[in-house]
Protein backbone atom coordinates (compact mmCIF):
# COMPACT_ATOMS: atom_id res chain seq x y z
CA MET A 1 0.00 0.00 0.00
CA LYS A 2 2.91 2.35 0.77
CA TYR A 3 4.38 1.76 -2.68
CA LEU A 4 1.05 2.42 -4.40
CA PHE A 5 0.64 5.67 -2.46
CA ALA A 6 4.21 6.73 -3.31
CA ALA A 7 3.66 5.96 -7.01
CA VAL A 8 0.45 8.02 -7.09
CA MET A 9 2.16 10.94 -5.34
CA LEU A 10 5.09 10.81 -7.78
CA ALA A 11 2.77 10.66 -10.81
CA SER A 12 0.70 13.61 -9.60
CA ALA A 13 3.86 15.66 -8.93
CA VAL A 14 5.19 14.99 -12.44
CA VAL A 15 1.88 15.93 -14.05
CA GLY A 16 1.56 19.04 -11.90
CA PHE A 17 5.02 20.35 -12.75
CA SER A 18 4.69 19.62 -16.47
CA GLU A 19 1.43 21.61 -16.69
CA ALA A 20 2.91 24.57 -14.84
CA ALA A 21 5.89 24.70 -17.18
CA SER A 22 3.80 24.64 -20.36
CA ALA A 23 1.38 27.31 -19.14
CA ALA A 24 4.08 30.05 -19.22
CA GLY A 25 2.18 32.10 -16.66
CA GLY A 26 -0.89 32.32 -18.88
CA CYS A 27 0.84 34.63 -21.38
CA GLY A 28 1.46 32.19 -24.22
CA PRO A 29 4.56 31.11 -26.11
CA GLY A 30 7.30 33.74 -26.30
CA TRP A 31 5.95 35.75 -23.38
CA TYR A 32 6.49 35.74 -19.61
CA ARG A 33 5.01 37.41 -16.53
CA GLY A 34 6.71 40.65 -15.55
CA PRO A 35 7.31 41.90 -12.00
CA TYR A 36 3.87 43.54 -11.80
CA GLY A 37 1.93 40.66 -13.39
CA GLY A 38 1.81 41.91 -16.98
CA CYS A 39 2.82 39.82 -20.00
CA ARG A 40 6.18 40.82 -21.52
CA PRO A 41 7.92 39.45 -24.65
CA MET A 42 11.02 37.33 -24.18
CA ARG A 43 14.13 38.94 -25.68
CA GLY A 44 15.68 36.85 -28.43
CA ALA A 45 12.89 34.27 -28.43
CA VAL A 46 11.11 33.34 -31.62
CA VAL A 47 7.62 34.81 -31.46
CA VAL A 48 5.01 33.28 -33.73
CA ARG A 49 2.73 35.97 -35.14
CA ARG A 50 -0.68 34.87 -36.30
CA ALA A 51 -3.20 36.73 -38.40
CA PRO A 52 -6.02 38.36 -36.41
CA VAL A 53 -9.40 36.68 -36.47
CA VAL A 54 -12.16 38.98 -37.70
CA VAL A 55 -15.68 38.21 -36.50
CA ALA A 56 -18.72 39.80 -38.12
CA PRO A 57 -20.64 41.98 -35.64
CA ALA A 58 -24.00 40.78 -34.43
CA PRO A 59 -27.04 42.93 -35.24
CA VAL A 60 -27.99 45.33 -32.48
CA VAL A 61 -31.60 45.15 -31.35
CA VAL A 62 -32.89 48.01 -29.21
CA VAL A 63 -36.06 47.24 -27.25
CA PRO A 64 -37.67 50.02 -25.21
CA ARG A 65 -37.89 49.19 -21.53
CA ALA A 66 -41.32 48.79 -20.00
CA ARG A 67 -42.10 51.42 -17.39
CA VAL A 68 -41.70 49.82 -13.97
CA CYS A 69 -42.54 52.71 -11.66
CA PRO A 70 -45.50 55.11 -11.95
CA TYR A 71 -44.90 58.72 -13.02
CA GLY A 72 -43.27 60.78 -10.30
CA PHE A 73 -41.25 57.79 -9.05
CA ARG A 74 -37.97 56.21 -10.14
CA TRP A 75 -36.38 52.81 -9.66
CA TYR A 76 -33.58 53.12 -7.10
CA ALA A 77 -32.01 50.62 -4.69
CA GLY A 78 -34.39 47.82 -5.61
CA ARG A 79 -37.75 49.63 -5.39
CA CYS A 80 -39.76 52.61 -6.67
CA ARG A 81 -38.91 55.82 -4.83
CA PRO A 82 -40.38 59.31 -5.23
CA ILE A 83 -38.34 61.80 -7.23
């Protein structure tokens, strides 16, 4: 049982460290986390530039809001209050 537990611990440690190394701090290949948390390019590293993906904009539909409060009142802090 001790050997099985040790093997599972070793396997989880190897998987955990390999994922952390490939994540590169969440910045992507050719980038690293700077001292204040921002992504910075690595100097001298090969950076792969990809073409931007253009997505067609969705049509904008404007629907007038139904009046919730009677005239002379306004919606504020979760209920109708007098103006």
